[in-house]
Amino acid sequence: MVEDLGYDAVDINLGCPAKKVVKCGGSGLLRDLPLLEDIFKSVRAAVNIPLTIKLRAGWDENSIVAVDVRQARRIHCVEAVAVHPAHARAGYKGAADWEPYRRRQAGRENPGHRQWRHQPSRRRCAYGPRNRCDAVMIGRAAATNPWIFSQMRQHAETGRYDIPADEERYRLLMGYYRQINAAQLPDGVGKMKQFACWFTHGVGNGGELRSIVHAARTPAEILESVERFFEGRAAAHNRIEDPAHGPAQHLGIEATLGT
């Protein structure tokens, strides 16, 4: 079915540590390697497009099985693997231990990927070449910081990266919201509120913006409220003068509701 729908690949998620997921899937499958092999075998037999996996190091600190899973996926022709180095029980706070994978990568045959979910840094940008990885996978950071891809490229090239200004954040947020509003989705308000939870953590006074979005009841009301919020921030910035650098830069945000 996935091939008929035009998908380029099938990815099996063995990384999610959410309690409601691990009961029957996600990183919970790392507790049953024979079952996992059966899944690889069945999916591989069902599709001709590439099959990939992403996984945690293991279920807990006493069952680090990522290297074993990588061996099993070779047998069943899984094309690539992305490794999150923390175990599932660590959730999103676990420490990364790359040493086992670094040793394994030295003699690898199939592609290996690293997975990151935070902000760019010199350390992370260096992981691909240092550990002989073929790629780096960005996880949860993409939802809260969509600029992370260009930031990592910039950091790798220059040792620094730019932080998006309010005007850029405004354009991205409103562009997404307008698309939802134009599509007239039945769950449009829910999607807007979900995106606000992810995206507004990089916005000044983001808590206020999240409250505004969550208090709204219609997509049009959300659009209008977000317009007012950013217009207010632009006006506040224009009133502030930096004694060392002169007037603050005008953000150039204009009301575009309905366009």
Protein backbone atom coordinates (compact mmCIF):
# COMPACT_ATOMS: atom_id res chain seq x y z
CA MET A 1 0.00 0.00 0.00
CA VAL A 2 2.75 2.49 0.89
CA GLU A 3 4.42 1.94 -2.48
CA ASP A 4 1.13 2.52 -4.31
CA LEU A 5 0.73 5.81 -2.42
CA GLY A 6 4.11 6.98 -3.70
CA TYR A 7 6.20 6.85 -0.53
CA ASP A 8 9.97 6.72 -0.98
CA ALA A 9 10.77 4.53 2.03
CA VAL A 10 9.41 2.79 5.11
CA ASP A 11 10.93 3.77 8.45
CA ILE A 12 10.35 1.68 11.58
CA ASN A 13 10.41 3.81 14.72
CA LEU A 14 12.14 1.98 17.59
CA GLY A 15 13.01 5.18 19.38
CA CYS A 16 9.84 6.59 20.91
CA PRO A 17 9.91 6.27 24.75
CA ALA A 18 6.34 7.48 25.40
CA LYS A 19 4.52 5.27 27.89
CA LYS A 20 1.44 4.82 25.70
CA VAL A 21 3.66 3.75 22.79
CA VAL A 22 6.14 1.35 24.42
CA LYS A 23 3.33 -0.97 25.55
CA CYS A 24 3.14 -2.37 22.02
CA GLY A 25 5.70 -0.54 19.88
CA GLY A 26 8.35 2.15 19.71
CA SER A 27 11.40 1.55 21.87
CA GLY A 28 9.41 -1.09 23.76
CA LEU A 29 10.16 -3.50 20.92
CA LEU A 30 13.82 -3.46 21.96
CA ARG A 31 12.79 -5.77 24.81
CA ASP A 32 11.94 -8.55 22.33
CA LEU A 33 14.62 -9.01 19.68
CA PRO A 34 13.13 -12.20 18.15
CA LEU A 35 9.86 -10.32 17.56
CA LEU A 36 11.82 -7.43 16.11
CA GLU A 37 13.54 -9.75 13.64
CA ASP A 38 10.15 -11.11 12.58
CA ILE A 39 8.96 -7.54 11.96
CA PHE A 40 12.03 -6.75 9.85
CA LYS A 41 11.52 -9.93 7.85
CA SER A 42 7.81 -9.32 7.25
CA VAL A 43 8.14 -5.69 6.26
CA ARG A 44 11.12 -6.40 4.02
CA ALA A 45 9.15 -9.10 2.20
CA ALA A 46 6.18 -6.75 1.75
CA VAL A 47 7.92 -3.75 0.16
CA ASN A 48 10.54 -3.10 -2.49
CA ILE A 49 11.29 0.48 -1.48
CA PRO A 50 14.05 1.17 1.08
CA LEU A 51 13.44 0.02 4.65
CA THR A 52 15.12 2.00 7.45
CA ILE A 53 14.97 2.05 11.24
CA LYS A 54 15.68 4.48 14.04
CA LEU A 55 16.26 3.17 17.53
CA ARG A 56 17.39 3.85 21.07
CA ALA A 57 20.53 2.27 22.50
CA GLY A 58 18.33 -0.22 24.33
CA TRP A 59 15.44 -0.48 26.75
CA ASP A 60 17.44 0.43 29.88
CA GLU A 61 21.05 0.64 31.05
CA ASN A 62 21.14 -3.13 31.54
CA SER A 63 19.94 -3.99 28.05
CA ILE A 64 21.93 -1.99 25.49
CA VAL A 65 21.05 -3.82 22.29
CA ALA A 66 21.52 -1.30 19.47
CA VAL A 67 24.59 -3.08 18.10
CA ASP A 68 22.69 -6.40 18.10
CA VAL A 69 19.76 -4.79 16.28
CA ARG A 70 22.14 -3.41 13.68
CA GLN A 71 23.48 -6.90 13.10
CA ALA A 72 19.95 -8.28 12.70
CA ARG A 73 18.94 -5.60 10.23
CA ARG A 74 21.84 -6.54 7.96
CA ILE A 75 20.43 -10.07 7.71
CA HIS A 76 17.03 -8.70 6.71
CA CYS A 77 18.33 -6.07 4.26
CA VAL A 78 17.38 -2.97 6.21
CA GLU A 79 19.14 -0.20 4.30
CA ALA A 80 20.01 2.28 7.06
CA VAL A 81 19.79 2.86 10.81
CA ALA A 82 19.68 6.04 12.91
CA VAL A 83 20.91 5.58 16.49
CA HIS A 84 19.79 7.64 19.47
CA PRO A 85 22.52 6.86 22.04
CA ALA A 86 20.36 7.12 25.18
CA HIS A 87 18.27 4.15 26.34
CA ALA A 88 14.47 4.27 26.32
CA ARG A 89 13.98 4.55 30.07
CA ALA A 90 16.09 7.72 30.05
CA GLY A 91 13.38 9.48 28.03
CA TYR A 92 14.70 12.73 26.62
CA LYS A 93 17.31 13.35 29.32
CA GLY A 94 19.74 10.48 28.90
CA ALA A 95 23.47 10.94 28.42
CA ALA A 96 25.00 9.96 25.08
CA ASP A 97 27.59 7.17 24.95
CA TRP A 98 28.90 6.91 21.40
CA GLU A 99 31.90 4.67 22.03
CA PRO A 100 30.26 1.30 21.19
CA TYR A 101 28.97 2.69 17.89
CA ARG A 102 32.25 4.39 17.05
CA ARG A 103 34.04 1.07 17.33
CA ARG A 104 31.37 -0.66 15.29
CA GLN A 105 31.42 2.02 12.57
CA ALA A 106 35.13 1.43 12.00
CA GLY A 107 34.25 -1.87 10.25
CA ARG A 108 30.75 -1.11 9.03
CA GLU A 109 29.24 -2.17 5.73
CA ASN A 110 25.90 -0.34 5.81
CA PRO A 111 25.14 3.32 6.47
CA GLY A 112 24.97 4.57 10.02
CA HIS A 113 23.20 7.76 11.10
CA ARG A 114 23.29 9.79 14.33
CA GLN A 115 20.19 11.37 15.78
CA TRP A 116 20.08 14.75 17.57
CA ARG A 117 17.14 16.61 19.04
CA HIS A 118 18.70 19.81 20.44
CA GLN A 119 20.44 22.96 19.19
CA PRO A 120 23.46 22.99 16.88
CA SER A 121 26.93 22.90 18.41
CA ARG A 122 30.48 22.33 17.25
CA ARG A 123 30.46 18.97 19.03
CA ARG A 124 27.36 17.76 17.22
CA CYS A 125 28.44 19.06 13.83
CA ALA A 126 31.68 17.11 14.21
CA TYR A 127 30.05 13.79 15.07
CA GLY A 128 29.35 12.72 11.50
CA PRO A 129 32.96 12.86 10.22
CA ARG A 130 34.53 11.72 13.49
CA ASN A 131 32.37 8.62 13.86
CA ARG A 132 32.29 7.75 10.15
CA CYS A 133 28.58 8.43 9.89
CA ASP A 134 26.92 8.81 6.54
CA ALA A 135 24.29 11.24 7.80
CA VAL A 136 22.88 13.04 10.83
CA MET A 137 19.17 12.78 11.64
CA ILE A 138 17.47 15.72 13.37
CA GLY A 139 14.66 14.70 15.71
CA ARG A 140 12.49 16.78 18.01
CA ALA A 141 14.53 19.95 17.48
CA ALA A 142 13.04 20.38 14.02
CA ALA A 143 9.59 21.07 15.50
CA THR A 144 10.79 23.74 17.92
CA ASN A 145 13.58 25.17 15.77
CA PRO A 146 12.96 24.67 12.02
CA TRP A 147 16.14 26.63 11.28
CA ILE A 148 18.35 23.95 12.83
CA PHE A 149 19.25 22.50 9.42
CA SER A 150 20.69 25.73 8.05
CA GLN A 151 22.19 26.52 11.46
CA MET A 152 24.12 23.24 11.54
CA ARG A 153 25.40 23.82 8.02
CA GLN A 154 26.44 27.36 8.93
CA HIS A 155 28.10 26.18 12.16
CA ALA A 156 30.04 23.46 10.35
CA GLU A 157 31.33 26.03 7.85
CA THR A 158 31.97 29.02 10.13
CA GLY A 159 31.92 27.86 13.77
CA ARG A 160 28.88 30.01 14.51
CA TYR A 161 25.19 30.19 13.60
CA ASP A 162 22.54 32.90 13.42
CA ILE A 163 19.46 33.09 15.64
CA PRO A 164 16.28 33.88 13.67
CA ALA A 165 14.81 37.30 14.32
CA ASP A 166 11.21 37.91 15.31
CA GLU A 167 10.34 38.81 11.72
CA GLU A 168 11.49 35.38 10.49
CA ARG A 169 9.60 33.61 13.25
CA TYR A 170 6.51 35.63 12.46
CA ARG A 171 6.64 34.77 8.76
CA LEU A 172 7.02 31.04 9.41
CA LEU A 173 4.32 30.87 12.09
CA MET A 174 1.78 32.92 10.17
CA GLY A 175 2.55 31.16 6.90
CA TYR A 176 1.79 27.80 8.48
CA TYR A 177 -1.33 29.12 10.17
CA ARG A 178 -2.65 30.63 6.94
CA GLN A 179 -2.19 27.29 5.16
CA ILE A 180 -4.19 25.54 7.88
CA ASN A 181 -6.89 28.20 7.73
CA ALA A 182 -7.10 28.02 3.92
CA ALA A 183 -7.37 24.22 4.01
CA GLN A 184 -10.38 24.46 6.35
CA LEU A 185 -9.27 21.37 8.24
CA PRO A 186 -11.75 20.05 10.81
CA ASP A 187 -8.96 19.92 13.40
CA GLY A 188 -7.34 23.16 12.27
CA VAL A 189 -7.50 24.84 15.68
CA GLY A 190 -5.90 21.80 17.31
CA LYS A 191 -3.05 21.80 14.78
CA MET A 192 -2.46 25.50 15.38
CA LYS A 193 -2.31 25.01 19.12
CA GLN A 194 0.02 22.03 18.78
CA PHE A 195 2.41 24.01 16.60
CA ALA A 196 2.29 26.90 19.08
CA CYS A 197 3.47 24.54 21.84
CA TRP A 198 6.49 23.52 19.75
CA PHE A 199 7.45 26.68 17.96
CA THR A 200 6.90 29.53 20.42
CA HIS A 201 9.66 28.44 22.82
CA GLY A 202 12.10 30.44 20.68
CA VAL A 203 9.91 33.56 20.67
CA GLY A 204 10.32 36.36 23.19
CA ASN A 205 7.40 36.25 25.66
CA GLY A 206 6.55 32.89 24.15
CA GLY A 207 4.46 31.93 27.17
CA GLU A 208 2.15 34.85 26.50
CA LEU A 209 1.83 33.88 22.84
CA ARG A 210 1.00 30.27 23.76
CA SER A 211 -1.70 31.48 26.15
CA ILE A 212 -3.19 33.68 23.42
CA VAL A 213 -3.31 30.83 20.92
CA HIS A 214 -4.76 28.34 23.40
CA ALA A 215 -7.48 30.79 24.45
CA ALA A 216 -8.68 31.25 20.86
CA ARG A 217 -11.55 29.16 19.50
CA THR A 218 -11.33 29.57 15.72
CA PRO A 219 -8.47 29.68 13.19
CA ALA A 220 -9.39 33.27 12.25
CA GLU A 221 -9.23 34.31 15.89
CA ILE A 222 -5.79 32.71 16.23
CA LEU A 223 -4.53 34.53 13.12
CA GLU A 224 -5.75 37.87 14.41
CA SER A 225 -4.32 37.28 17.91
CA VAL A 226 -0.89 36.29 16.58
CA GLU A 227 -0.86 39.39 14.33
CA ARG A 228 -1.55 41.62 17.34
CA PHE A 229 1.11 39.88 19.42
CA PHE A 230 3.90 40.41 16.89
CA GLU A 231 2.76 43.94 16.07
CA GLY A 232 2.99 44.73 19.79
CA ARG A 233 6.52 43.28 19.97
CA ALA A 234 7.57 45.27 16.92
CA ALA A 235 6.19 48.48 18.43
CA ALA A 236 7.96 47.77 21.73
CA HIS A 237 11.28 47.16 19.96
CA ASN A 238 10.96 50.37 18.02
CA ARG A 239 10.53 52.33 21.26
CA ILE A 240 13.73 50.93 22.78
CA GLU A 241 17.03 52.61 22.12
CA ASP A 242 20.37 50.99 22.84
CA PRO A 243 22.80 53.69 24.13
CA ALA A 244 25.71 51.87 22.52
CA HIS A 245 24.15 51.06 19.15
CA GLY A 246 21.32 53.52 18.63
CA PRO A 247 17.67 52.69 17.95
CA ALA A 248 16.63 49.06 17.82
CA GLN A 249 16.11 47.67 14.33
CA HIS A 250 12.57 47.89 13.02
CA LEU A 251 11.14 44.39 12.63
CA GLY A 252 9.13 45.29 9.55
CA ILE A 253 6.07 43.25 10.55
CA GLU A 254 2.94 44.42 8.77
CA ALA A 255 -0.62 43.32 9.25
CA THR A 256 -1.43 40.73 6.60
CA LEU A 257 -4.57 39.09 7.93
CA GLY A 258 -6.62 37.67 5.10
CA THR A 259 -3.82 37.78 2.52
